[in-house]
Amino acid sequence: KKPDFREVGSKLKVKAVLRGSCRKSSQKLHVSLQLIDTTDGS
């Protein structure tokens, strides 16, 4: 739930991380997404 993006980038050797959240009801889907730079967290 609270990942260290720099650690993720270092361990997986990736430059970006896609994180998000979603909530599904019977008729609708709510999704929030962020693409974060693992070098500086921007």
Full PDB file with SEQRES, HELIX, SHEET, SSBOND, CRYST1, ORIGX, SCALE, CONECT and MASTER records, all heavy atoms in Angstrom:
SEQRES   1 A   42  LYS LYS PRO ASP PHE ARG GLU VAL GLY SER LYS LEU LYS          
SEQRES   2 A   42  VAL LYS ALA VAL LEU ARG GLY SER CYS ARG LYS SER SER          
SEQRES   3 A   42  GLN LYS LEU HIS VAL SER LEU GLN LEU ILE ASP THR THR          
SEQRES   4 A   42  ASP GLY SER                                                  
HELIX    1 AA1 PHE A    5  LEU A   12  1                                   8    
SHEET    1 AA1 2 ALA A  16  LYS A  24  0                                        
SHEET    2 AA1 2 LEU A  29  ASP A  37 -1                                        
CRYST1    1.000    1.000    1.000  90.00  90.00  90.00 P 1           1          
ORIGX1      1.000000  0.000000  0.000000        0.00000                         
ORIGX2      0.000000  1.000000  0.000000        0.00000                         
ORIGX3      0.000000  0.000000  1.000000        0.00000                         
SCALE1      1.000000  0.000000  0.000000        0.00000                         
SCALE2      0.000000  1.000000  0.000000        0.00000                         
SCALE3      0.000000  0.000000  1.000000        0.00000                         
ATOM      1  N   LYS A   1       0.821  -1.214   0.000  1.00  0.00           N  
ATOM      2  CA  LYS A   1       0.000   0.000   0.000  1.00  0.00           C  
ATOM      3  C   LYS A   1       0.854   1.263   0.000  1.00  0.00           C  
ATOM      4  O   LYS A   1       0.427   2.309  -0.479  1.00  0.00           O  
ATOM      5  CB  LYS A   1      -0.938  -0.004   1.208  1.00  0.00           C  
ATOM      6  CG  LYS A   1      -2.064  -1.027   1.092  1.00  0.00           C  
ATOM      7  CD  LYS A   1      -3.113  -0.824   2.165  1.00  0.00           C  
ATOM      8  CE  LYS A   1      -4.290  -1.767   1.950  1.00  0.00           C  
ATOM      9  NZ  LYS A   1      -5.359  -1.564   2.958  1.00  0.00           N  
ATOM     10  N   LYS A   2       2.052   1.185   0.574  1.00  0.00           N  
ATOM     11  CA  LYS A   2       2.945   2.342   0.584  1.00  0.00           C  
ATOM     12  C   LYS A   2       4.317   1.923   0.058  1.00  0.00           C  
ATOM     13  O   LYS A   2       5.295   1.870   0.800  1.00  0.00           O  
ATOM     14  CB  LYS A   2       3.061   2.910   1.997  1.00  0.00           C  
ATOM     15  CG  LYS A   2       1.778   3.517   2.528  1.00  0.00           C  
ATOM     16  CD  LYS A   2       1.978   4.127   3.906  1.00  0.00           C  
ATOM     17  CE  LYS A   2       0.690   4.763   4.426  1.00  0.00           C  
ATOM     18  NZ  LYS A   2       0.858   5.353   5.779  1.00  0.00           N  
ATOM     19  N   PRO A   3       4.403   1.627  -1.225  1.00  0.00           N  
ATOM     20  CA  PRO A   3       5.675   1.157  -1.778  1.00  0.00           C  
ATOM     21  C   PRO A   3       6.697   2.286  -1.867  1.00  0.00           C  
ATOM     22  O   PRO A   3       6.353   3.458  -2.051  1.00  0.00           O  
ATOM     23  CB  PRO A   3       5.287   0.659  -3.175  1.00  0.00           C  
ATOM     24  CG  PRO A   3       4.088   1.477  -3.534  1.00  0.00           C  
ATOM     25  CD  PRO A   3       3.345   1.701  -2.252  1.00  0.00           C  
ATOM     26  N   ASP A   4       7.949   1.935  -1.701  1.00  0.00           N  
ATOM     27  CA  ASP A   4       9.054   2.860  -1.924  1.00  0.00           C  
ATOM     28  C   ASP A   4       9.409   2.770  -3.404  1.00  0.00           C  
ATOM     29  O   ASP A   4      10.006   1.791  -3.846  1.00  0.00           O  
ATOM     30  CB  ASP A   4      10.241   2.464  -1.047  1.00  0.00           C  
ATOM     31  CG  ASP A   4      11.401   3.434  -1.165  1.00  0.00           C  
ATOM     32  OD1 ASP A   4      11.591   4.019  -2.261  1.00  0.00           O  
ATOM     33  OD2 ASP A   4      12.132   3.616  -0.174  1.00  0.00           O  
ATOM     34  N   PHE A   5       9.046   3.789  -4.178  1.00  0.00           N  
ATOM     35  CA  PHE A   5       9.193   3.705  -5.629  1.00  0.00           C  
ATOM     36  C   PHE A   5      10.647   3.612  -6.071  1.00  0.00           C  
ATOM     37  O   PHE A   5      10.966   2.959  -7.058  1.00  0.00           O  
ATOM     38  CB  PHE A   5       8.490   4.894  -6.293  1.00  0.00           C  
ATOM     39  CG  PHE A   5       7.023   4.952  -5.991  1.00  0.00           C  
ATOM     40  CD1 PHE A   5       6.484   5.984  -5.238  1.00  0.00           C  
ATOM     41  CD2 PHE A   5       6.179   3.950  -6.426  1.00  0.00           C  
ATOM     42  CE1 PHE A   5       5.139   6.017  -4.941  1.00  0.00           C  
ATOM     43  CE2 PHE A   5       4.832   3.972  -6.133  1.00  0.00           C  
ATOM     44  CZ  PHE A   5       4.309   5.014  -5.393  1.00  0.00           C  
ATOM     45  N   ARG A   6      11.523   4.265  -5.337  1.00  0.00           N  
ATOM     46  CA  ARG A   6      12.946   4.164  -5.681  1.00  0.00           C  
ATOM     47  C   ARG A   6      13.461   2.745  -5.443  1.00  0.00           C  
ATOM     48  O   ARG A   6      14.255   2.227  -6.222  1.00  0.00           O  
ATOM     49  CB  ARG A   6      13.740   5.174  -4.853  1.00  0.00           C  
ATOM     50  CG  ARG A   6      13.416   6.627  -5.211  1.00  0.00           C  
ATOM     51  CD  ARG A   6      14.300   7.604  -4.467  1.00  0.00           C  
ATOM     52  NE  ARG A   6      13.960   8.985  -4.780  1.00  0.00           N  
ATOM     53  CZ  ARG A   6      14.599  10.034  -4.292  1.00  0.00           C  
ATOM     54  NH1 ARG A   6      15.623   9.866  -3.472  1.00  0.00           N  
ATOM     55  NH2 ARG A   6      14.223  11.256  -4.630  1.00  0.00           N  
ATOM     56  N   GLU A   7      12.992   2.128  -4.355  1.00  0.00           N  
ATOM     57  CA  GLU A   7      13.387   0.743  -4.088  1.00  0.00           C  
ATOM     58  C   GLU A   7      12.836  -0.192  -5.165  1.00  0.00           C  
ATOM     59  O   GLU A   7      13.540  -1.087  -5.638  1.00  0.00           O  
ATOM     60  CB  GLU A   7      12.879   0.311  -2.713  1.00  0.00           C  
ATOM     61  CG  GLU A   7      13.264  -1.116  -2.354  1.00  0.00           C  
ATOM     62  CD  GLU A   7      12.667  -1.574  -1.046  1.00  0.00           C  
ATOM     63  OE1 GLU A   7      11.810  -0.851  -0.502  1.00  0.00           O  
ATOM     64  OE2 GLU A   7      13.038  -2.662  -0.586  1.00  0.00           O  
ATOM     65  N   VAL A   8      11.575   0.025  -5.542  1.00  0.00           N  
ATOM     66  CA  VAL A   8      10.980  -0.780  -6.608  1.00  0.00           C  
ATOM     67  C   VAL A   8      11.771  -0.623  -7.893  1.00  0.00           C  
ATOM     68  O   VAL A   8      12.089  -1.604  -8.589  1.00  0.00           O  
ATOM     69  CB  VAL A   8       9.504  -0.386  -6.836  1.00  0.00           C  
ATOM     70  CG1 VAL A   8       8.954  -1.099  -8.071  1.00  0.00           C  
ATOM     71  CG2 VAL A   8       8.658  -0.721  -5.619  1.00  0.00           C  
ATOM     72  N   GLY A   9      12.115   0.632  -8.233  1.00  0.00           N  
ATOM     73  CA  GLY A   9      12.877   0.874  -9.454  1.00  0.00           C  
ATOM     74  C   GLY A   9      14.243   0.226  -9.419  1.00  0.00           C  
ATOM     75  O   GLY A   9      14.711  -0.329 -10.413  1.00  0.00           O  
ATOM     76  N   SER A  10      14.894   0.263  -8.240  1.00  0.00           N  
ATOM     77  CA  SER A  10      16.227  -0.318  -8.101  1.00  0.00           C  
ATOM     78  C   SER A  10      16.185  -1.837  -8.170  1.00  0.00           C  
ATOM     79  O   SER A  10      16.992  -2.461  -8.872  1.00  0.00           O  
ATOM     80  CB  SER A  10      16.845   0.122  -6.774  1.00  0.00           C  
ATOM     81  OG  SER A  10      18.084  -0.519  -6.547  1.00  0.00           O  
ATOM     82  N   LYS A  11      15.222  -2.458  -7.478  1.00  0.00           N  
ATOM     83  CA  LYS A  11      15.163  -3.920  -7.438  1.00  0.00           C  
ATOM     84  C   LYS A  11      14.686  -4.514  -8.759  1.00  0.00           C  
ATOM     85  O   LYS A  11      15.165  -5.577  -9.171  1.00  0.00           O  
ATOM     86  CB  LYS A  11      14.248  -4.370  -6.299  1.00  0.00           C  
ATOM     87  CG  LYS A  11      14.861  -4.160  -4.916  1.00  0.00           C  
ATOM     88  CD  LYS A  11      14.000  -4.789  -3.835  1.00  0.00           C  
ATOM     89  CE  LYS A  11      14.692  -4.697  -2.481  1.00  0.00           C  
ATOM     90  NZ  LYS A  11      13.900  -5.326  -1.397  1.00  0.00           N  
ATOM     91  N   LEU A  12      13.737  -3.838  -9.416  1.00  0.00           N  
ATOM     92  CA  LEU A  12      13.187  -4.382 -10.659  1.00  0.00           C  
ATOM     93  C   LEU A  12      13.846  -3.785 -11.898  1.00  0.00           C  
ATOM     94  O   LEU A  12      13.527  -4.181 -13.012  1.00  0.00           O  
ATOM     95  CB  LEU A  12      11.674  -4.136 -10.707  1.00  0.00           C  
ATOM     96  CG  LEU A  12      10.862  -4.747  -9.570  1.00  0.00           C  
ATOM     97  CD1 LEU A  12       9.372  -4.513  -9.802  1.00  0.00           C  
ATOM     98  CD2 LEU A  12      11.150  -6.226  -9.435  1.00  0.00           C  
ATOM     99  N   LYS A  13      14.749  -2.822 -11.679  1.00  0.00           N  
ATOM    100  CA  LYS A  13      15.473  -2.170 -12.782  1.00  0.00           C  
ATOM    101  C   LYS A  13      14.500  -1.567 -13.800  1.00  0.00           C  
ATOM    102  O   LYS A  13      14.627  -1.780 -15.008  1.00  0.00           O  
ATOM    103  CB  LYS A  13      16.429  -3.156 -13.448  1.00  0.00           C  
ATOM    104  CG  LYS A  13      17.557  -3.622 -12.538  1.00  0.00           C  
ATOM    105  CD  LYS A  13      18.500  -4.579 -13.245  1.00  0.00           C  
ATOM    106  CE  LYS A  13      19.692  -4.895 -12.378  1.00  0.00           C  
ATOM    107  NZ  LYS A  13      19.353  -5.497 -11.090  1.00  0.00           N  
ATOM    108  N   VAL A  14      13.549  -0.818 -13.271  1.00  0.00           N  
ATOM    109  CA  VAL A  14      12.592  -0.120 -14.122  1.00  0.00           C  
ATOM    110  C   VAL A  14      12.659   1.376 -13.828  1.00  0.00           C  
ATOM    111  O   VAL A  14      12.987   1.791 -12.715  1.00  0.00           O  
ATOM    112  CB  VAL A  14      11.144  -0.630 -13.913  1.00  0.00           C  
ATOM    113  CG1 VAL A  14      11.015  -2.059 -14.387  1.00  0.00           C  
ATOM    114  CG2 VAL A  14      10.716  -0.503 -12.451  1.00  0.00           C  
ATOM    115  N   LYS A  15      12.316   2.165 -14.831  1.00  0.00           N  
ATOM    116  CA  LYS A  15      12.399   3.614 -14.690  1.00  0.00           C  
ATOM    117  C   LYS A  15      11.064   4.249 -14.332  1.00  0.00           C  
ATOM    118  O   LYS A  15      11.016   5.436 -14.009  1.00  0.00           O  
ATOM    119  CB  LYS A  15      12.921   4.227 -15.993  1.00  0.00           C  
ATOM    120  CG  LYS A  15      14.327   3.777 -16.332  1.00  0.00           C  
ATOM    121  CD  LYS A  15      14.790   4.398 -17.631  1.00  0.00           C  
ATOM    122  CE  LYS A  15      16.208   3.946 -17.964  1.00  0.00           C  
ATOM    123  NZ  LYS A  15      16.685   4.527 -19.239  1.00  0.00           N  
ATOM    124  N   ALA A  16      10.004   3.473 -14.406  1.00  0.00           N  
ATOM    125  CA  ALA A  16       8.685   4.011 -14.083  1.00  0.00           C  
ATOM    126  C   ALA A  16       7.838   2.936 -13.417  1.00  0.00           C  
ATOM    127  O   ALA A  16       8.045   1.735 -13.633  1.00  0.00           O  
ATOM    128  CB  ALA A  16       7.994   4.524 -15.338  1.00  0.00           C  
ATOM    129  N   VAL A  17       6.890   3.395 -12.603  1.00  0.00           N  
ATOM    130  CA  VAL A  17       5.963   2.508 -11.911  1.00  0.00           C  
ATOM    131  C   VAL A  17       4.544   3.017 -12.153  1.00  0.00           C  
ATOM    132  O   VAL A  17       4.277   4.213 -12.005  1.00  0.00           O  
ATOM    133  CB  VAL A  17       6.252   2.476 -10.397  1.00  0.00           C  
ATOM    134  CG1 VAL A  17       5.074   1.912  -9.638  1.00  0.00           C  
ATOM    135  CG2 VAL A  17       7.485   1.646 -10.113  1.00  0.00           C  
ATOM    136  N   LEU A  18       3.665   2.100 -12.546  1.00  0.00           N  
ATOM    137  CA  LEU A  18       2.248   2.433 -12.686  1.00  0.00           C  
ATOM    138  C   LEU A  18       1.518   1.912 -11.457  1.00  0.00           C  
ATOM    139  O   LEU A  18       1.519   0.720 -11.192  1.00  0.00           O  
ATOM    140  CB  LEU A  18       1.657   1.812 -13.952  1.00  0.00           C  
ATOM    141  CG  LEU A  18       0.170   2.112 -14.202  1.00  0.00           C  
ATOM    142  CD1 LEU A  18      -0.027   3.587 -14.528  1.00  0.00           C  
ATOM    143  CD2 LEU A  18      -0.378   1.247 -15.336  1.00  0.00           C  
ATOM    144  N   ARG A  19       0.940   2.825 -10.696  1.00  0.00           N  
ATOM    145  CA  ARG A  19       0.160   2.438  -9.519  1.00  0.00           C  
ATOM    146  C   ARG A  19      -1.249   2.977  -9.685  1.00  0.00           C  
ATOM    147  O   ARG A  19      -1.506   3.883 -10.488  1.00  0.00           O  
ATOM    148  CB  ARG A  19       0.779   3.006  -8.244  1.00  0.00           C  
ATOM    149  CG  ARG A  19       0.710   4.530  -8.178  1.00  0.00           C  
ATOM    150  CD  ARG A  19       1.100   5.071  -6.826  1.00  0.00           C  
ATOM    151  NE  ARG A  19       0.239   4.556  -5.782  1.00  0.00           N  
ATOM    152  CZ  ARG A  19       0.267   5.006  -4.521  1.00  0.00           C  
ATOM    153  NH1 ARG A  19       1.106   5.974  -4.179  1.00  0.00           N  
ATOM    154  NH2 ARG A  19      -0.535   4.494  -3.621  1.00  0.00           N  
ATOM    155  N   GLY A  20      -2.191   2.419  -8.939  1.00  0.00           N  
ATOM    156  CA  GLY A  20      -3.548   2.904  -9.087  1.00  0.00           C  
ATOM    157  C   GLY A  20      -4.485   2.328  -8.051  1.00  0.00           C  
ATOM    158  O   GLY A  20      -4.094   1.544  -7.175  1.00  0.00           O  
ATOM    159  N   SER A  21      -5.722   2.723  -8.142  1.00  0.00           N  
ATOM    160  CA  SER A  21      -6.774   2.218  -7.271  1.00  0.00           C  
ATOM    161  C   SER A  21      -8.046   2.126  -8.085  1.00  0.00           C  
ATOM    162  O   SER A  21      -8.194   2.803  -9.114  1.00  0.00           O  
ATOM    163  CB  SER A  21      -6.978   3.149  -6.067  1.00  0.00           C  
ATOM    164  OG  SER A  21      -7.362   4.448  -6.503  1.00  0.00           O  
ATOM    165  N   CYS A  22      -8.959   1.261  -7.671  1.00  0.00           N  
ATOM    166  CA  CYS A  22     -10.223   1.159  -8.392  1.00  0.00           C  
ATOM    167  C   CYS A  22     -11.338   0.754  -7.445  1.00  0.00           C  
ATOM    168  O   CYS A  22     -11.109   0.157  -6.384  1.00  0.00           O  
ATOM    169  CB  CYS A  22     -10.115   0.195  -9.576  1.00  0.00           C  
ATOM    170  SG  CYS A  22      -9.644  -1.477  -9.175  1.00  0.00           S  
ATOM    171  N   ARG A  23     -12.525   1.113  -7.847  1.00  0.00           N  
ATOM    172  CA  ARG A  23     -13.726   0.779  -7.094  1.00  0.00           C  
ATOM    173  C   ARG A  23     -14.805   0.407  -8.093  1.00  0.00           C  
ATOM    174  O   ARG A  23     -15.097   1.163  -9.020  1.00  0.00           O  
ATOM    175  CB  ARG A  23     -14.172   1.969  -6.241  1.00  0.00           C  
ATOM    176  CG  ARG A  23     -15.367   1.669  -5.345  1.00  0.00           C  
ATOM    177  CD  ARG A  23     -15.705   2.828  -4.417  1.00  0.00           C  
ATOM    178  NE  ARG A  23     -16.240   3.980  -5.129  1.00  0.00           N  
ATOM    179  CZ  ARG A  23     -15.562   5.087  -5.407  1.00  0.00           C  
ATOM    180  NH1 ARG A  23     -14.284   5.188  -5.044  1.00  0.00           N  
ATOM    181  NH2 ARG A  23     -16.123   6.098  -6.041  1.00  0.00           N  
ATOM    182  N   LYS A  24     -15.377  -0.770  -7.917  1.00  0.00           N  
ATOM    183  CA  LYS A  24     -16.362  -1.281  -8.863  1.00  0.00           C  
ATOM    184  C   LYS A  24     -17.715  -1.382  -8.193  1.00  0.00           C  
ATOM    185  O   LYS A  24     -17.844  -1.924  -7.089  1.00  0.00           O  
ATOM    186  CB  LYS A  24     -15.930  -2.653  -9.392  1.00  0.00           C  
ATOM    187  CG  LYS A  24     -16.901  -3.291 -10.368  1.00  0.00           C  
ATOM    188  CD  LYS A  24     -16.345  -4.601 -10.905  1.00  0.00           C  
ATOM    189  CE  LYS A  24     -16.342  -5.697  -9.866  1.00  0.00           C  
ATOM    190  NZ  LYS A  24     -17.728  -6.166  -9.538  1.00  0.00           N  
ATOM    191  N   SER A  25     -18.729  -0.847  -8.852  1.00  0.00           N  
ATOM    192  CA  SER A  25     -20.097  -1.024  -8.400  1.00  0.00           C  
ATOM    193  C   SER A  25     -20.806  -1.912  -9.416  1.00  0.00           C  
ATOM    194  O   SER A  25     -20.174  -2.458 -10.331  1.00  0.00           O  
ATOM    195  CB  SER A  25     -20.799   0.329  -8.270  1.00  0.00           C  
ATOM    196  OG  SER A  25     -20.918   0.948  -9.542  1.00  0.00           O  
ATOM    197  N   SER A  26     -22.089  -2.054  -9.288  1.00  0.00           N  
ATOM    198  CA  SER A  26     -22.825  -2.921 -10.198  1.00  0.00           C  
ATOM    199  C   SER A  26     -22.865  -2.365 -11.623  1.00  0.00           C  
ATOM    200  O   SER A  26     -23.001  -3.131 -12.578  1.00  0.00           O  
ATOM    201  CB  SER A  26     -24.253  -3.124  -9.691  1.00  0.00           C  
ATOM    202  OG  SER A  26     -24.925  -1.867  -9.590  1.00  0.00           O  
ATOM    203  N   GLN A  27     -22.723  -1.058 -11.749  1.00  0.00           N  
ATOM    204  CA  GLN A  27     -22.846  -0.445 -13.075  1.00  0.00           C  
ATOM    205  C   GLN A  27     -21.635   0.380 -13.497  1.00  0.00           C  
ATOM    206  O   GLN A  27     -21.434   0.611 -14.678  1.00  0.00           O  
ATOM    207  CB  GLN A  27     -24.087   0.463 -13.114  1.00  0.00           C  
ATOM    208  CG  GLN A  27     -25.401  -0.249 -12.861  1.00  0.00           C  
ATOM    209  CD  GLN A  27     -25.721  -1.271 -13.928  1.00  0.00           C  
ATOM    210  OE1 GLN A  27     -25.345  -1.118 -15.095  1.00  0.00           O  
ATOM    211  NE2 GLN A  27     -26.432  -2.340 -13.543  1.00  0.00           N  
ATOM    212  N   LYS A  28     -20.828   0.852 -12.544  1.00  0.00           N  
ATOM    213  CA  LYS A  28     -19.738   1.770 -12.869  1.00  0.00           C  
ATOM    214  C   LYS A  28     -18.403   1.278 -12.348  1.00  0.00           C  
ATOM    215  O   LYS A  28     -18.330   0.496 -11.392  1.00  0.00           O  
ATOM    216  CB  LYS A  28     -20.032   3.167 -12.311  1.00  0.00           C  
ATOM    217  CG  LYS A  28     -21.072   3.941 -13.104  1.00  0.00           C  
ATOM    218  CD  LYS A  28     -21.138   5.387 -12.647  1.00  0.00           C  
ATOM    219  CE  LYS A  28     -22.102   6.193 -13.515  1.00  0.00           C  
ATOM    220  NZ  LYS A  28     -21.602   6.331 -14.895  1.00  0.00           N  
ATOM    221  N   LEU A  29     -17.366   1.801 -12.978  1.00  0.00           N  
ATOM    222  CA  LEU A  29     -16.000   1.492 -12.578  1.00  0.00           C  
ATOM    223  C   LEU A  29     -15.244   2.805 -12.414  1.00  0.00           C  
ATOM    224  O   LEU A  29     -15.192   3.622 -13.334  1.00  0.00           O  
ATOM    225  CB  LEU A  29     -15.315   0.612 -13.630  1.00  0.00           C  
ATOM    226  CG  LEU A  29     -13.864   0.217 -13.361  1.00  0.00           C  
ATOM    227  CD1 LEU A  29     -13.763  -0.610 -12.082  1.00  0.00           C  
ATOM    228  CD2 LEU A  29     -13.300  -0.574 -14.545  1.00  0.00           C  
ATOM    229  N   HIS A  30     -14.672   3.011 -11.232  1.00  0.00           N  
ATOM    230  CA  HIS A  30     -13.892   4.213 -10.935  1.00  0.00           C  
ATOM    231  C   HIS A  30     -12.425   3.796 -10.820  1.00  0.00           C  
ATOM    232  O   HIS A  30     -12.084   2.935  -9.998  1.00  0.00           O  
ATOM    233  CB  HIS A  30     -14.352   4.860  -9.635  1.00  0.00           C  
ATOM    234  CG  HIS A  30     -15.816   5.173  -9.604  1.00  0.00           C  
ATOM    235  ND1 HIS A  30     -16.321   6.411  -9.921  1.00  0.00           N  
ATOM    236  CD2 HIS A  30     -16.882   4.392  -9.300  1.00  0.00           C  
ATOM    237  CE1 HIS A  30     -17.640   6.389  -9.801  1.00  0.00           C  
ATOM    238  NE2 HIS A  30     -18.013   5.172  -9.429  1.00  0.00           N  
ATOM    239  N   VAL A  31     -11.557   4.421 -11.605  1.00  0.00           N  
ATOM    240  CA  VAL A  31     -10.139   4.064 -11.610  1.00  0.00           C  
ATOM    241  C   VAL A  31      -9.307   5.334 -11.518  1.00  0.00           C  
ATOM    242  O   VAL A  31      -9.585   6.326 -12.214  1.00  0.00           O  
ATOM    243  CB  VAL A  31      -9.751   3.290 -12.892  1.00  0.00           C  
ATOM    244  CG1 VAL A  31      -8.262   2.939 -12.878  1.00  0.00           C  
ATOM    245  CG2 VAL A  31     -10.587   2.026 -13.020  1.00  0.00           C  
ATOM    246  N   SER A  32      -8.291   5.309 -10.677  1.00  0.00           N  
ATOM    247  CA  SER A  32      -7.339   6.414 -10.560  1.00  0.00           C  
ATOM    248  C   SER A  32      -5.935   5.852 -10.757  1.00  0.00           C  
ATOM    249  O   SER A  32      -5.557   4.870 -10.100  1.00  0.00           O  
ATOM    250  CB  SER A  32      -7.453   7.069  -9.183  1.00  0.00           C  
ATOM    251  OG  SER A  32      -6.503   8.093  -9.041  1.00  0.00           O  
ATOM    252  N   LEU A  33      -5.159   6.454 -11.647  1.00  0.00           N  
ATOM    253  CA  LEU A  33      -3.835   5.922 -11.993  1.00  0.00           C  
ATOM    254  C   LEU A  33      -2.769   7.006 -11.928  1.00  0.00           C  
ATOM    255  O   LEU A  33      -3.039   8.186 -12.187  1.00  0.00           O  
ATOM    256  CB  LEU A  33      -3.847   5.323 -13.397  1.00  0.00           C  
ATOM    257  CG  LEU A  33      -4.756   4.113 -13.627  1.00  0.00           C  
ATOM    258  CD1 LEU A  33      -4.726   3.719 -15.093  1.00  0.00           C  
ATOM    259  CD2 LEU A  33      -4.343   2.948 -12.748  1.00  0.00           C  
ATOM    260  N   GLN A  34      -1.555   6.578 -11.602  1.00  0.00           N  
ATOM    261  CA  GLN A  34      -0.391   7.467 -11.597  1.00  0.00           C  
ATOM    262  C   GLN A  34       0.807   6.726 -12.176  1.00  0.00           C  
ATOM    263  O   GLN A  34       1.046   5.561 -11.831  1.00  0.00           O  
ATOM    264  CB  GLN A  34      -0.058   7.918 -10.174  1.00  0.00           C  
ATOM    265  CG  GLN A  34      -1.102   8.807  -9.527  1.00  0.00           C  
ATOM    266  CD  GLN A  34      -0.721   9.167  -8.108  1.00  0.00           C  
ATOM    267  OE1 GLN A  34      -0.162   8.351  -7.382  1.00  0.00           O  
ATOM    268  NE2 GLN A  34      -1.012  10.397  -7.711  1.00  0.00           N  
ATOM    269  N   LEU A  35       1.545   7.393 -13.028  1.00  0.00           N  
ATOM    270  CA  LEU A  35       2.801   6.869 -13.560  1.00  0.00           C  
ATOM    271  C   LEU A  35       3.923   7.670 -12.921  1.00  0.00           C  
ATOM    272  O   LEU A  35       4.032   8.887 -13.134  1.00  0.00           O  
ATOM    273  CB  LEU A  35       2.843   6.985 -15.081  1.00  0.00           C  
ATOM    274  CG  LEU A  35       4.031   6.312 -15.779  1.00  0.00           C  
ATOM    275  CD1 LEU A  35       3.950   4.790 -15.635  1.00  0.00           C  
ATOM    276  CD2 LEU A  35       4.092   6.690 -17.259  1.00  0.00           C  
ATOM    277  N   ILE A  36       4.755   7.001 -12.129  1.00  0.00           N  
ATOM    278  CA  ILE A  36       5.741   7.675 -11.289  1.00  0.00           C  
ATOM    279  C   ILE A  36       7.151   7.321 -11.743  1.00  0.00           C  
ATOM    280  O   ILE A  36       7.467   6.158 -12.013  1.00  0.00           O  
ATOM    281  CB  ILE A  36       5.544   7.281  -9.820  1.00  0.00           C  
ATOM    282  CG1 ILE A  36       4.140   7.722  -9.369  1.00  0.00           C  
ATOM    283  CG2 ILE A  36       6.608   7.888  -8.928  1.00  0.00           C  
ATOM    284  CD1 ILE A  36       3.747   7.191  -8.023  1.00  0.00           C  
ATOM    285  N   ASP A  37       8.009   8.342 -11.816  1.00  0.00           N  
ATOM    286  CA  ASP A  37       9.417   8.161 -12.158  1.00  0.00           C  
ATOM    287  C   ASP A  37      10.147   7.591 -10.944  1.00  0.00           C  
ATOM    288  O   ASP A  37      10.080   8.160  -9.853  1.00  0.00           O  
ATOM    289  CB  ASP A  37      10.029   9.499 -12.568  1.00  0.00           C  
ATOM    290  CG  ASP A  37      11.383   9.326 -13.245  1.00  0.00           C  
ATOM    291  OD1 ASP A  37      12.262   8.663 -12.648  1.00  0.00           O  
ATOM    292  OD2 ASP A  37      11.576   9.844 -14.353  1.00  0.00           O  
ATOM    293  N   THR A  38      10.845   6.481 -11.114  1.00  0.00           N  
ATOM    294  CA  THR A  38      11.493   5.824  -9.976  1.00  0.00           C  
ATOM    295  C   THR A  38      12.826   6.460  -9.602  1.00  0.00           C  
ATOM    296  O   THR A  38      13.378   6.134  -8.554  1.00  0.00           O  
ATOM    297  CB  THR A  38      11.731   4.328 -10.277  1.00  0.00           C  
ATOM    298  OG1 THR A  38      12.529   4.197 -11.451  1.00  0.00           O  
ATOM    299  CG2 THR A  38      10.407   3.604 -10.461  1.00  0.00           C  
ATOM    300  N   THR A  39      13.345   7.344 -10.448  1.00  0.00           N  
ATOM    301  CA  THR A  39      14.630   7.974 -10.116  1.00  0.00           C  
ATOM    302  C   THR A  39      14.469   9.065  -9.070  1.00  0.00           C  
ATOM    303  O   THR A  39      15.313   9.233  -8.191  1.00  0.00           O  
ATOM    304  CB  THR A  39      15.290   8.552 -11.376  1.00  0.00           C  
ATOM    305  OG1 THR A  39      14.395   9.507 -11.981  1.00  0.00           O  
ATOM    306  CG2 THR A  39      15.606   7.444 -12.368  1.00  0.00           C  
ATOM    307  N   ASP A  40      13.377   9.829  -9.160  1.00  0.00           N  
ATOM    308  CA  ASP A  40      13.184  10.935  -8.216  1.00  0.00           C  
ATOM    309  C   ASP A  40      11.784  11.004  -7.620  1.00  0.00           C  
ATOM    310  O   ASP A  40      11.473  11.906  -6.836  1.00  0.00           O  
ATOM    311  CB  ASP A  40      13.505  12.275  -8.898  1.00  0.00           C  
ATOM    312  CG  ASP A  40      12.667  12.505 -10.158  1.00  0.00           C  
ATOM    313  OD1 ASP A  40      11.718  11.717 -10.397  1.00  0.00           O  
ATOM    314  OD2 ASP A  40      12.960  13.448 -10.910  1.00  0.00           O  
ATOM    315  N   GLY A  41      10.917  10.038  -7.978  1.00  0.00           N  
ATOM    316  CA  GLY A  41       9.576  10.018  -7.422  1.00  0.00           C  
ATOM    317  C   GLY A  41       8.620  11.025  -8.029  1.00  0.00           C  
ATOM    318  O   GLY A  41       7.511  11.218  -7.518  1.00  0.00           O  
ATOM    319  N   SER A  42       9.037  11.666  -9.114  1.00  0.00           N  
ATOM    320  CA  SER A  42       8.180  12.674  -9.736  1.00  0.00           C  
ATOM    321  C   SER A  42       7.047  12.015 -10.520  1.00  0.00           C  
ATOM    322  O   SER A  42       7.137  10.846 -10.918  1.00  0.00           O  
ATOM    323  CB  SER A  42       8.994  13.571 -10.670  1.00  0.00           C  
ATOM    324  OG  SER A  42       9.561  12.815 -11.718  1.00  0.00           O  
TER     325      SER A  42                                                      
MASTER        0    0    0    1    2    0    0    6  324    1    0    4          
END                                                                             
